[in-house]
Protein backbone atom coordinates (compact mmCIF):
# COMPACT_ATOMS: atom_id res chain seq x y z
CA MET A 1 -26.15 116.87 20.76
CA GLU A 2 -26.97 118.63 17.54
CA ASP A 3 -25.12 117.80 14.34
CA ASN A 4 -24.04 121.41 13.91
CA ALA A 5 -22.95 122.05 17.51
CA VAL A 6 -19.91 124.28 18.02
CA VAL A 7 -17.26 123.84 20.69
CA GLU A 8 -15.22 126.90 21.59
CA LEU A 9 -11.71 126.28 22.95
CA VAL A 10 -10.09 128.99 25.04
CA SER A 11 -6.39 128.98 25.83
CA PRO A 12 -5.48 130.11 29.37
CA VAL A 13 -1.97 131.06 28.24
CA ALA A 14 -1.28 134.78 28.18
CA PRO A 15 1.20 136.22 25.70
CA ALA A 16 4.67 136.78 27.14
CA PRO A 17 5.34 140.38 28.19
CA ASP A 18 7.79 142.40 26.12
CA LEU A 19 10.67 143.06 28.50
CA GLY A 20 12.91 144.52 25.84
CA ARG A 21 14.94 141.33 25.44
CA SER A 22 13.80 140.27 21.98
CA ASP A 23 17.38 140.23 20.69
CA GLN A 24 18.35 137.41 23.10
CA LEU A 25 17.70 133.81 22.18
CA ALA A 26 15.54 131.73 24.50
CA ARG A 27 17.44 129.20 26.59
CA THR A 28 17.14 125.60 25.47
CA TRP A 29 15.39 123.38 28.01
CA SER A 30 17.63 120.53 29.13
CA GLY A 31 15.80 119.12 32.16
CA LEU A 32 15.74 120.15 35.78
CA ALA A 33 19.42 119.75 36.68
CA ASN A 34 20.55 123.22 37.86
CA ALA A 35 17.23 124.74 36.76
CA ARG A 36 16.30 127.71 38.95
CA VAL A 37 12.86 127.01 40.41
CA SER A 38 11.00 130.12 41.58
CA ILE A 39 7.67 130.64 43.32
CA VAL A 40 4.85 133.15 42.92
CA GLU A 41 2.97 132.89 46.23
CA ASN A 42 -0.51 134.35 45.96
CA GLY A 43 -1.55 134.62 49.61
CA LYS A 44 -3.94 131.69 49.55
CA ALA A 45 -4.02 129.52 52.66
CA ASN A 46 -1.12 127.03 52.64
CA ALA A 47 -0.05 128.04 49.11
CA GLU A 48 3.48 128.98 50.11
CA GLU A 49 3.98 125.77 52.10
CA LEU A 50 2.67 123.65 49.20
CA LEU A 51 4.89 125.40 46.65
CA GLU A 52 7.97 125.30 48.91
CA ASN A 53 7.48 121.55 49.40
CA LEU A 54 7.12 121.02 45.64
CA ARG A 55 10.24 123.10 44.99
CA GLY A 56 12.07 121.06 47.64
CA LEU A 57 11.15 117.84 45.83
CA LEU A 58 12.41 119.23 42.51
CA ILE A 59 15.67 120.22 44.20
CA SER A 60 16.22 116.95 46.08
CA ARG A 61 15.08 114.55 43.36
CA TYR A 62 16.03 116.26 40.11
CA GLY A 63 18.93 118.57 40.94
CA ALA A 64 17.08 121.85 40.52
CA VAL A 65 18.24 124.88 42.51
CA ARG A 66 16.38 127.54 44.47
CA GLY A 67 15.24 130.55 42.46
CA VAL A 68 13.38 133.58 43.76
CA THR A 69 10.13 133.79 45.74
CA VAL A 70 7.63 136.53 44.91
CA HIS A 71 4.64 137.39 47.11
CA LYS A 72 1.57 138.98 45.51
CA GLU A 73 -1.99 139.86 46.43
CA VAL A 74 -4.63 137.16 45.96
CA SER A 75 -6.53 139.04 43.26
CA GLY A 76 -3.80 141.27 41.85
CA PRO A 77 -1.12 140.83 39.19
CA VAL A 78 2.57 140.32 39.76
CA HIS A 79 4.13 143.81 39.85
CA ASP A 80 6.65 144.76 37.15
CA ASP A 81 9.69 144.70 39.46
CA ALA A 82 8.76 141.23 40.76
CA LEU A 83 8.12 140.04 37.20
CA ALA A 84 11.56 141.29 36.15
CA ALA A 85 13.12 139.41 39.10
CA LEU A 86 11.32 136.23 38.01
CA VAL A 87 12.51 136.59 34.42
CA ALA A 88 16.10 137.21 35.52
CA GLY A 89 16.24 134.51 38.21
CA SER A 90 14.10 131.62 36.99
CA ASP A 91 14.01 128.71 34.60
CA LEU A 92 10.77 127.30 36.04
CA VAL A 93 8.11 129.16 38.03
CA LEU A 94 5.56 127.50 40.33
CA VAL A 95 2.52 129.76 40.57
CA GLY A 96 0.04 130.04 43.46
CA SER A 97 -2.84 127.73 44.16
CA ALA A 98 -6.59 128.02 43.82
CA ASP A 99 -9.58 127.03 45.93
């Protein structure tokens, strides 16, 4: 490795969408008890089963509750109406799976 080598770090986190709720304070995280756990299922093989099982563990072991489930295309974004449902009905979102 050269002495002047450069490492570029890239964050995979996208900025939060502006849903017109900037005047509301963000909820304070207090653990999983009563947290609404939602799913974004991306159509990959077994993704929904995997995410449902994980959500079931969070419910049975940590007192979380069922949130919403959104289905989307494998290569497409979550549509605005589904995104609004996730924002309104979720404290934690489990998102798809990859190959």
